[in-house]
């Protein structure tokens, strides 16, 4: 690596300190230490991605969302932790900083910015993804950047950081946004090709990180964080907008914008939906509500405690009602992917980090009973996004494992911890020690060697 080391302690920006701070080098490690037993059914990679500046940023202008991505992966097979790898996801700035050759693909000098938010499988290829304009980057099995991709010329603009897989149809749903473009509803088929089904023209450009879907609708959030480069103090120009109301829309899945129904919503912001489904004339939407975002803090999302809530949309009356589900500051919700867009029972969450994260448990929420179980990883240990991996041939919704990267502040290192979802509060099934820490970041997932999207 040709850049100077990043000394997080020298910066006042909270998103460059502690476990938000970038790691300085890529890592490859083999035959990792395991405590407990890795289930034999698990053969594949637990993937993780987040921002990781490749060179020393300006702490005043640095925004947590807007820097080079680093992909992390743990491969397990036959009850063994075979390897861990971390690799920079090549963008134009990282190529220059690291002194490496550029990757091929469309979008040079326009859509070759940071890619740091999530992964998706399109066709038979793995991609790192991001929202707000840059194209996905194809990764090989060992997480090396291969090429930028517009899915064979089928993406009209950039993509999203949060596609949603539909287990019924096999397609992925996405809402894309960027400055100067309408919001688009895009569907990606199993063949890895994208279809733009709707263009939603708005008088502003909202930040839309996630979407949700039901059997009949795509859920479209239009909330008061909008493109305002004239007042942004950091490099990501989506800022809280006091003049903008909150609303949420139901777009028919055929993309007919003339039938898009809007509902007035509580004044708030959301990054993540849990799930959504239809129930007669009602549409049920579970989500994590933030009181606001990017108002006082322009460097990251740190504007108060989060709440897990349910919004019930009555399509006949046009009214929305809200029910609080959990007030304990949760985020990064995951479910058994086989229940996407359908009635479901269980959700899994991590703590909300804000900019001051030290320790925190995972939670399993029973959305039917309104209860929750807690798994405490121990003092000074904090889980990142919990990923549900279904056990093959499982008959029950929660028959599977929870896999997560867990940061241990006592050692300044990370582990991968595997829980059985049906013994959530019990001892881990296995703990795999990593030789480095994995910074707080965004999303990841389980990529089985015989790929199954719904994991």
Protein backbone atom coordinates (compact mmCIF):
# COMPACT_ATOMS: atom_id res chain seq x y z
CA UNK A 1 0.00 0.00 0.00
CA UNK A 2 1.51 3.30 -1.07
CA UNK A 3 -0.42 5.73 1.14
CA UNK A 4 0.41 7.03 4.60
CA UNK A 5 -1.13 5.10 7.52
CA UNK A 6 -4.47 6.42 8.70
CA UNK A 7 -4.06 7.60 12.30
CA UNK A 8 -7.66 7.69 13.50
CA UNK A 9 -6.72 9.14 16.87
CA UNK A 10 -5.51 12.33 15.16
CA UNK A 11 -8.97 13.14 13.81
CA UNK A 12 -11.89 14.69 15.64
CA UNK A 13 -14.39 13.13 13.21
CA UNK A 14 -16.12 10.33 15.15
CA UNK A 15 -16.48 8.27 11.98
CA UNK A 16 -12.69 8.00 11.72
CA UNK A 17 -12.14 6.86 15.30
CA UNK A 18 -12.36 3.64 17.31
CA UNK A 19 -14.02 0.87 15.29
CA UNK A 20 -15.27 3.32 12.70
CA UNK A 21 -11.64 3.95 11.76
CA UNK A 22 -10.38 2.31 8.58
CA UNK A 23 -7.96 -0.58 8.57
CA UNK A 24 -4.78 0.28 6.72
CA UNK A 25 -4.01 -2.86 4.73
CA UNK A 26 -5.73 -5.78 3.05
CA UNK A 27 -5.52 -9.10 4.90
CA UNK A 28 -5.42 -12.75 3.90
CA UNK A 29 -5.45 -15.36 6.67
CA UNK A 30 -5.92 -19.12 6.60
CA UNK A 31 -6.99 -21.87 9.03
CA UNK A 32 -8.58 -19.64 11.61
CA UNK A 33 -9.07 -20.64 15.24
CA UNK A 34 -12.55 -21.95 16.02
CA UNK A 35 -14.15 -22.36 19.44
CA UNK A 36 -17.15 -24.66 19.26
CA UNK A 37 -18.34 -26.38 16.09
CA UNK A 38 -19.16 -24.80 12.73
CA UNK A 39 -22.27 -26.53 11.36
CA UNK A 40 -21.39 -28.93 8.55
CA UNK A 41 -24.28 -27.56 6.48
CA UNK A 42 -22.52 -24.19 6.13
CA UNK A 43 -20.39 -24.11 2.99
CA UNK A 44 -19.75 -20.65 1.62
CA UNK A 45 -18.74 -17.14 2.62
CA UNK A 46 -20.02 -14.67 5.18
CA UNK A 47 -19.58 -11.34 3.40
CA UNK A 48 -19.35 -7.86 4.84
CA UNK A 49 -18.67 -4.41 3.35
CA UNK A 50 -18.25 -0.85 4.57
CA UNK A 51 -16.39 2.41 4.00
CA UNK A 52 -12.62 2.28 4.39
CA UNK A 53 -10.67 5.31 3.08
CA UNK A 54 -7.67 4.26 1.00
CA UNK A 55 -5.87 7.52 1.81
CA UNK A 56 -5.98 10.06 4.64
CA UNK A 57 -9.23 12.05 4.34
CA UNK A 58 -10.00 15.58 5.46
CA UNK A 59 -11.75 14.96 8.80
CA UNK A 60 -13.93 18.04 8.45
CA UNK A 61 -15.27 16.99 5.04
CA UNK A 62 -15.23 13.22 5.51
CA UNK A 63 -18.65 11.57 5.38
CA UNK A 64 -19.04 7.98 6.56
CA UNK A 65 -21.13 7.12 3.47
CA UNK A 66 -18.72 8.49 0.92
CA UNK A 67 -15.39 6.68 0.78
CA UNK A 68 -13.76 3.66 -0.80
CA UNK A 69 -15.33 0.37 0.19
CA UNK A 70 -13.62 -2.64 1.71
CA UNK A 71 -15.08 -6.12 1.23
CA UNK A 72 -14.58 -8.72 3.96
CA UNK A 73 -15.22 -12.43 3.63
CA UNK A 74 -14.96 -15.52 5.82
CA UNK A 75 -15.07 -18.86 4.03
CA UNK A 76 -16.24 -21.97 5.89
CA UNK A 77 -16.41 -25.58 4.68
CA UNK A 78 -16.53 -29.01 6.32
CA UNK A 79 -16.70 -27.46 9.77
CA UNK A 80 -13.54 -25.40 9.22
CA UNK A 81 -12.85 -21.69 8.85
CA UNK A 82 -10.66 -21.90 5.77
CA UNK A 83 -9.87 -18.24 5.19
CA UNK A 84 -10.62 -14.62 5.88
CA UNK A 85 -9.93 -11.95 3.26
CA UNK A 86 -10.36 -8.18 3.09
CA UNK A 87 -9.97 -6.26 -0.17
CA UNK A 88 -10.46 -2.66 -1.25
CA UNK A 89 -13.26 -2.29 -3.80
CA UNK A 90 -11.58 -0.45 -6.63
CA UNK A 91 -12.96 2.96 -7.49
CA UNK A 92 -11.22 5.78 -9.35
CA UNK A 93 -9.89 7.44 -6.19
CA UNK A 94 -8.69 4.17 -4.66
CA UNK A 95 -6.86 3.17 -7.82
CA UNK A 96 -4.97 6.46 -7.72
CA UNK A 97 -4.27 6.29 -3.99
CA UNK A 98 -3.13 2.68 -4.01
CA UNK A 99 -1.10 2.92 -7.21
CA UNK A 100 -3.00 0.07 -8.86
CA UNK A 101 -4.34 -0.48 -12.33
CA UNK A 102 -7.93 0.56 -13.00
CA UNK A 103 -10.69 -1.95 -13.54
CA UNK A 104 -12.55 -2.05 -16.88
CA UNK A 105 -16.23 -1.41 -17.43
CA UNK A 106 -18.65 1.41 -18.26
CA UNK A 107 -19.00 4.64 -16.33
CA UNK A 108 -15.41 5.89 -16.25
CA UNK A 109 -15.17 9.49 -14.94
CA UNK A 110 -18.88 9.54 -14.14
CA UNK A 111 -20.05 6.38 -12.36
CA UNK A 112 -16.75 5.12 -10.94
CA UNK A 113 -17.05 6.57 -7.42
CA UNK A 114 -16.96 4.68 -4.11
CA UNK A 115 -18.81 1.35 -3.87
CA UNK A 116 -19.14 0.46 -0.20
CA UNK A 117 -22.64 -0.53 0.87
CA UNK A 118 -23.86 -4.04 0.02
CA UNK A 119 -23.56 -7.14 -2.14
CA UNK A 120 -25.93 -8.68 -4.62
CA UNK A 121 -25.95 -11.71 -6.86
CA UNK A 122 -27.05 -10.88 -10.42
CA UNK A 123 -26.99 -13.81 -12.78
CA UNK A 124 -24.07 -15.95 -11.67
CA UNK A 125 -21.90 -13.03 -10.55
CA UNK A 126 -21.30 -11.29 -7.22
CA UNK A 127 -21.38 -7.49 -7.12
CA UNK A 128 -20.58 -4.83 -4.56
CA UNK A 129 -23.21 -2.10 -4.73
CA UNK A 130 -23.83 1.49 -3.69
CA UNK A 131 -26.54 4.10 -4.20
CA UNK A 132 -26.65 7.64 -5.62
CA UNK A 133 -24.92 7.11 -8.95
CA UNK A 134 -21.91 4.79 -9.08
CA UNK A 135 -22.14 1.44 -10.85
CA UNK A 136 -21.82 -1.94 -9.14
CA UNK A 137 -18.38 -3.59 -9.10
CA UNK A 138 -18.10 -7.28 -9.91
CA UNK A 139 -15.98 -9.25 -7.43
CA UNK A 140 -14.38 -12.65 -7.88
CA UNK A 141 -14.62 -15.45 -5.32
CA UNK A 142 -11.65 -14.06 -3.37
CA UNK A 143 -13.16 -10.53 -3.35
CA UNK A 144 -10.84 -8.96 -5.93
CA UNK A 145 -12.45 -6.23 -8.05
CA UNK A 146 -13.05 -7.43 -11.61
CA UNK A 147 -15.02 -4.72 -13.45
CA UNK A 148 -17.70 -2.06 -13.13
CA UNK A 149 -21.02 -3.27 -14.48
CA UNK A 150 -24.28 -1.83 -15.77
CA UNK A 151 -25.76 -5.35 -15.95
CA UNK A 152 -25.10 -5.75 -19.64
CA UNK A 153 -26.19 -2.22 -20.55
CA UNK A 154 -29.58 -2.59 -18.85
CA UNK A 155 -29.06 -0.07 -16.01
CA UNK A 156 -30.08 3.41 -17.10
CA UNK A 157 -28.23 5.10 -14.22
CA UNK A 158 -26.53 3.85 -11.07
CA UNK A 159 -28.00 1.17 -8.83
CA UNK A 160 -28.91 0.93 -5.14
CA UNK A 161 -27.19 0.03 -1.91
CA UNK A 162 -30.15 -2.09 -0.80
CA UNK A 163 -31.79 -4.37 -3.38
CA UNK A 164 -34.55 -6.65 -2.10
CA UNK A 165 -34.92 -10.25 -3.28
CA UNK A 166 -38.41 -11.61 -3.94
CA UNK A 167 -38.48 -15.35 -3.12
CA UNK A 168 -41.73 -15.82 -5.05
CA UNK A 169 -40.70 -14.34 -8.41
CA UNK A 170 -36.91 -14.62 -8.15
CA UNK A 171 -36.40 -10.95 -9.05
CA UNK A 172 -34.68 -8.20 -7.10
CA UNK A 173 -36.49 -4.93 -6.45
CA UNK A 174 -34.60 -1.65 -6.23
CA UNK A 175 -35.29 2.07 -5.93
CA UNK A 176 -32.51 4.16 -7.43
CA UNK A 177 -31.88 7.85 -6.92
CA UNK A 178 -29.22 10.42 -7.79
CA UNK A 179 -28.92 14.13 -8.46
CA UNK A 180 -30.56 15.23 -11.71
CA UNK A 181 -32.52 12.01 -12.24
CA UNK A 182 -36.02 10.82 -11.34
CA UNK A 183 -36.41 8.09 -8.78
CA UNK A 184 -36.54 4.77 -10.61
CA UNK A 185 -38.13 1.47 -9.70
CA UNK A 186 -35.85 -1.19 -11.19
CA UNK A 187 -36.31 -4.96 -11.30
CA UNK A 188 -33.34 -7.30 -11.81
CA UNK A 189 -34.12 -10.79 -13.08
CA UNK A 190 -32.36 -14.06 -12.36
CA UNK A 191 -30.46 -13.55 -15.62
CA UNK A 192 -28.78 -10.48 -14.13
CA UNK A 193 -30.47 -7.98 -16.44
CA UNK A 194 -32.33 -4.91 -15.19
CA UNK A 195 -35.68 -3.50 -16.26
CA UNK A 196 -36.76 0.04 -15.36
CA UNK A 197 -40.44 -0.32 -14.57
CA UNK A 198 -41.19 3.21 -13.38
CA UNK A 199 -39.74 6.72 -13.28
CA UNK A 200 -41.10 8.79 -10.41
CA UNK A 201 -40.64 12.52 -10.97
CA UNK A 202 -40.42 14.53 -7.76
CA UNK A 203 -39.68 18.25 -7.19
CA UNK A 204 -36.67 17.26 -5.08
CA UNK A 205 -34.19 14.35 -4.88
CA UNK A 206 -34.79 12.33 -1.70
CA UNK A 207 -32.29 9.95 -0.12
CA UNK A 208 -33.77 6.45 -0.56
CA UNK A 209 -31.46 3.83 0.89
CA UNK A 210 -33.90 0.93 1.05
CA UNK A 211 -37.19 -0.24 -0.39
CA UNK A 212 -39.75 -2.82 0.63
CA UNK A 213 -42.28 -4.79 -1.37
CA UNK A 214 -45.46 -6.80 -0.96
CA UNK A 215 -47.27 -9.17 -3.30
CA UNK A 216 -48.90 -6.12 -4.93
CA UNK A 217 -46.77 -3.04 -4.24
CA UNK A 218 -43.36 -1.46 -4.08
CA UNK A 219 -43.01 0.74 -0.98
CA UNK A 220 -41.55 4.16 -1.89
CA UNK A 221 -40.27 6.40 0.94
CA UNK A 222 -40.18 10.17 0.32
CA UNK A 223 -38.76 11.63 3.52
CA UNK A 224 -37.12 14.91 4.54
CA UNK A 225 -33.49 14.20 3.65
CA UNK A 226 -32.91 15.70 0.20
CA UNK A 227 -30.13 16.74 -2.16
CA UNK A 228 -28.87 20.12 -0.90
CA UNK A 229 -25.22 20.55 -1.94
CA UNK A 230 -25.36 24.28 -1.23
CA UNK A 231 -25.56 23.70 2.55
CA UNK A 232 -23.71 20.38 2.92
CA UNK A 233 -20.62 20.63 5.12
CA UNK A 234 -19.32 17.19 4.08
CA UNK A 235 -18.90 15.26 0.86
CA UNK A 236 -22.33 13.58 0.88
CA UNK A 237 -24.83 16.30 -0.09
CA UNK A 238 -28.11 14.81 1.21
CA UNK A 239 -29.21 16.90 4.21
CA UNK A 240 -32.23 17.14 6.52
CA UNK A 241 -34.85 19.39 4.92
CA UNK A 242 -37.11 21.29 7.32
CA UNK A 243 -39.41 22.30 4.45
CA UNK A 244 -40.05 18.74 3.29
CA UNK A 245 -42.95 16.66 4.62
CA UNK A 246 -42.76 12.90 5.19
CA UNK A 247 -44.80 10.54 3.07
CA UNK A 248 -44.71 6.98 1.88
CA UNK A 249 -46.07 5.61 -1.36
CA UNK A 250 -47.45 2.32 -2.64
CA UNK A 251 -46.52 1.81 -6.28
CA UNK A 252 -48.21 -1.07 -8.11
CA UNK A 253 -45.62 -3.65 -9.07
CA UNK A 254 -46.34 -3.16 -12.75
CA UNK A 255 -44.87 0.34 -12.35
CA UNK A 256 -48.04 2.29 -13.18
CA UNK A 257 -47.14 5.66 -11.63
CA UNK A 258 -50.67 6.97 -12.25
CA UNK A 259 -51.84 4.57 -9.51
CA UNK A 260 -49.09 5.47 -7.00
CA UNK A 261 -50.89 6.15 -3.68
CA UNK A 262 -49.20 8.46 -1.16
CA UNK A 263 -49.76 8.43 2.61
CA UNK A 264 -48.76 11.20 5.03
CA UNK A 265 -46.20 9.76 7.45
CA UNK A 266 -44.69 10.82 10.79
CA UNK A 267 -41.91 13.36 10.40
CA UNK A 268 -38.81 11.19 10.59
CA UNK A 269 -36.23 9.38 8.50
CA UNK A 270 -35.62 5.72 7.81
CA UNK A 271 -32.72 3.83 6.37
CA UNK A 272 -34.09 0.31 6.68
CA UNK A 273 -37.34 -1.51 6.33
CA UNK A 274 -37.75 -4.82 8.12
CA UNK A 275 -40.44 -6.27 5.85
CA UNK A 276 -43.84 -5.46 4.37
CA UNK A 277 -46.95 -7.40 3.38
CA UNK A 278 -50.59 -6.95 2.43
CA UNK A 279 -53.48 -7.92 4.69
CA UNK A 280 -56.78 -7.28 2.93
CA UNK A 281 -57.14 -3.52 2.40
CA UNK A 282 -54.17 -2.88 4.71
CA UNK A 283 -50.48 -2.82 3.93
CA UNK A 284 -48.25 -3.55 6.93
CA UNK A 285 -44.76 -2.01 6.91
CA UNK A 286 -42.21 -2.64 9.67
CA UNK A 287 -39.21 -0.32 9.79
CA UNK A 288 -36.57 1.39 11.91
CA UNK A 289 -37.50 5.03 12.48
CA UNK A 290 -34.87 7.73 13.09
CA UNK A 291 -36.08 11.03 14.56
CA UNK A 292 -34.10 12.81 11.82
CA UNK A 293 -30.79 12.48 10.01
CA UNK A 294 -28.03 14.76 8.69
CA UNK A 295 -29.40 17.82 10.45
CA UNK A 296 -26.75 18.73 13.04
CA UNK A 297 -24.26 16.02 12.04
CA UNK A 298 -23.31 16.23 8.36
CA UNK A 299 -20.63 13.54 8.69
CA UNK A 300 -22.88 10.59 9.49
CA UNK A 301 -26.32 9.46 10.72
CA UNK A 302 -26.24 10.49 14.37
CA UNK A 303 -29.43 12.32 15.29
CA UNK A 304 -31.00 10.45 18.19
CA UNK A 305 -32.28 7.02 19.25
CA UNK A 306 -33.99 4.75 16.77
CA UNK A 307 -37.34 3.03 17.26
CA UNK A 308 -38.64 -0.17 15.69
CA UNK A 309 -42.17 0.63 14.51
CA UNK A 310 -45.04 -0.71 12.43
CA UNK A 311 -46.84 1.52 9.94
CA UNK A 312 -50.29 0.29 8.91
CA UNK A 313 -51.50 1.83 5.67
CA UNK A 314 -55.24 1.68 5.06
CA UNK A 315 -55.54 1.84 1.29
CA UNK A 316 -59.28 2.59 1.41
CA UNK A 317 -59.07 5.55 3.78
CA UNK A 318 -55.62 6.72 2.69
CA UNK A 319 -54.51 6.97 6.35
CA UNK A 320 -51.38 5.70 8.11
CA UNK A 321 -51.20 4.64 11.75
CA UNK A 322 -48.06 3.87 13.76
CA UNK A 323 -47.42 1.30 16.49
CA UNK A 324 -44.17 1.23 18.47
CA UNK A 325 -42.54 -2.20 18.65
CA UNK A 326 -39.20 -1.65 20.41
CA UNK A 327 -37.61 1.52 21.79
CA UNK A 328 -34.16 0.10 22.55
CA UNK A 329 -32.19 1.69 19.71
CA UNK A 330 -32.14 -1.06 17.09
CA UNK A 331 -30.95 -1.07 13.48
CA UNK A 332 -29.81 -3.25 10.53
CA UNK A 333 -32.86 -5.55 10.64
CA UNK A 334 -32.77 -8.94 8.90
CA UNK A 335 -35.34 -11.71 8.43
CA UNK A 336 -35.51 -15.17 6.94
CA UNK A 337 -35.43 -14.17 3.27
CA UNK A 338 -38.00 -16.80 2.33
CA UNK A 339 -40.60 -14.51 3.95
CA UNK A 340 -39.76 -11.31 2.05
CA UNK A 341 -42.95 -9.49 1.05
CA UNK A 342 -45.12 -11.90 3.09
CA UNK A 343 -46.51 -12.20 6.59
CA UNK A 344 -43.67 -13.25 8.89
CA UNK A 345 -42.87 -13.66 12.55
CA UNK A 346 -39.19 -13.09 13.36
CA UNK A 347 -36.72 -10.24 12.83
CA UNK A 348 -33.12 -9.89 13.99
CA UNK A 349 -31.42 -6.58 14.78
CA UNK A 350 -28.16 -5.10 15.99
CA UNK A 351 -27.72 -2.04 18.22
CA UNK A 352 -27.77 1.37 16.61
CA UNK A 353 -24.22 2.66 16.81
CA UNK A 354 -24.62 6.38 16.24
CA UNK A 355 -21.10 7.74 16.52
CA UNK A 356 -20.41 6.39 20.03
CA UNK A 357 -20.47 2.60 19.91
CA UNK A 358 -18.82 0.45 22.57
CA UNK A 359 -20.79 -2.74 23.13
CA UNK A 360 -24.14 -4.20 22.27
CA UNK A 361 -26.21 -7.33 21.84
CA UNK A 362 -28.24 -8.78 19.00
CA UNK A 363 -31.99 -9.15 19.40
CA UNK A 364 -34.56 -11.58 18.02
CA UNK A 365 -37.97 -9.95 17.74
CA UNK A 366 -41.17 -11.98 17.77
CA UNK A 367 -43.37 -9.70 15.68
CA UNK A 368 -46.50 -11.72 16.51
CA UNK A 369 -46.16 -11.83 20.29
CA UNK A 370 -44.44 -8.45 20.59
CA UNK A 371 -41.54 -9.90 22.60
CA UNK A 372 -37.79 -10.02 22.09
CA UNK A 373 -34.85 -12.23 23.08
CA UNK A 374 -31.37 -10.85 23.65
CA UNK A 375 -27.99 -12.37 22.92
CA UNK A 376 -25.26 -10.56 24.85
CA UNK A 377 -21.84 -11.17 23.33
CA UNK A 378 -20.08 -9.97 26.48
CA UNK A 379 -18.61 -6.78 27.91
CA UNK A 380 -16.94 -4.61 25.32
CA UNK A 381 -18.22 -6.76 22.44
CA UNK A 382 -20.63 -5.47 19.82
CA UNK A 383 -22.35 -7.25 16.97
CA UNK A 384 -22.62 -5.88 13.48
CA UNK A 385 -25.59 -6.73 11.24
CA UNK A 386 -26.98 -10.20 12.16
CA UNK A 387 -27.50 -12.42 9.11
CA UNK A 388 -30.06 -15.25 9.17
CA UNK A 389 -28.97 -18.39 7.30
CA UNK A 390 -31.69 -20.95 6.81
CA UNK A 391 -30.96 -24.57 7.64
CA UNK A 392 -31.46 -26.77 4.56
CA UNK A 393 -34.93 -28.37 4.53
CA UNK A 394 -36.03 -26.25 7.52
CA UNK A 395 -39.76 -26.39 8.24
CA UNK A 396 -39.92 -23.51 10.74
CA UNK A 397 -39.22 -19.85 10.04
CA UNK A 398 -36.47 -19.56 12.66
CA UNK A 399 -34.75 -22.89 11.98
CA UNK A 400 -31.29 -21.71 11.03
CA UNK A 401 -28.30 -19.74 12.24
CA UNK A 402 -27.48 -16.13 13.00
CA UNK A 403 -24.02 -15.23 11.72
CA UNK A 404 -22.42 -11.89 12.49
CA UNK A 405 -19.11 -10.11 12.69
CA UNK A 406 -18.59 -9.08 16.32
CA UNK A 407 -16.12 -6.38 17.33
CA UNK A 408 -14.26 -7.04 20.59
CA UNK A 409 -13.10 -3.72 22.02
CA UNK A 410 -11.11 -5.50 24.71
CA UNK A 411 -8.77 -6.99 22.08
CA UNK A 412 -9.39 -4.47 19.28
CA UNK A 413 -10.10 -7.47 17.05
CA UNK A 414 -13.18 -9.06 15.53
CA UNK A 415 -14.72 -12.51 15.56
CA UNK A 416 -17.42 -14.20 13.55
CA UNK A 417 -20.02 -15.64 15.93
CA UNK A 418 -22.60 -18.25 14.94
CA UNK A 419 -25.79 -18.66 17.01
CA UNK A 420 -28.64 -21.08 16.51
CA UNK A 421 -31.70 -18.89 15.94
CA UNK A 422 -33.91 -21.23 17.99
CA UNK A 423 -31.52 -20.98 20.95
CA UNK A 424 -30.86 -17.31 20.46
CA UNK A 425 -29.92 -16.37 24.02
CA UNK A 426 -27.83 -19.51 24.50
CA UNK A 427 -24.13 -20.09 24.01
CA UNK A 428 -22.72 -19.59 20.51
CA UNK A 429 -22.54 -22.61 18.25
CA UNK A 430 -19.11 -21.41 17.12
CA UNK A 431 -16.78 -18.42 17.44
CA UNK A 432 -14.14 -17.84 14.75
CA UNK A 433 -11.28 -15.53 15.68
CA UNK A 434 -10.10 -13.09 13.01
CA UNK A 435 -6.57 -11.64 12.93
CA UNK A 436 -7.85 -8.08 12.45
CA UNK A 437 -10.84 -5.96 13.37
CA UNK A 438 -13.69 -5.43 10.91
CA UNK A 439 -14.82 -1.78 11.11
CA UNK A 440 -18.42 -0.77 11.64
CA UNK A 441 -19.90 -0.59 8.18
CA UNK A 442 -23.06 -1.34 6.34
CA UNK A 443 -24.28 -4.65 4.98
CA UNK A 444 -23.37 -8.18 4.09
CA UNK A 445 -24.82 -11.62 3.77
CA UNK A 446 -24.29 -15.32 3.42
CA UNK A 447 -23.17 -16.49 -0.01
CA UNK A 448 -23.55 -20.26 -0.21
CA UNK A 449 -21.23 -22.00 -2.62
CA UNK A 450 -24.35 -23.29 -4.33
CA UNK A 451 -25.87 -19.84 -4.47
CA UNK A 452 -29.30 -19.27 -2.90
CA UNK A 453 -30.55 -15.66 -2.95
CA UNK A 454 -32.97 -16.12 -0.08
CA UNK A 455 -30.18 -16.72 2.43
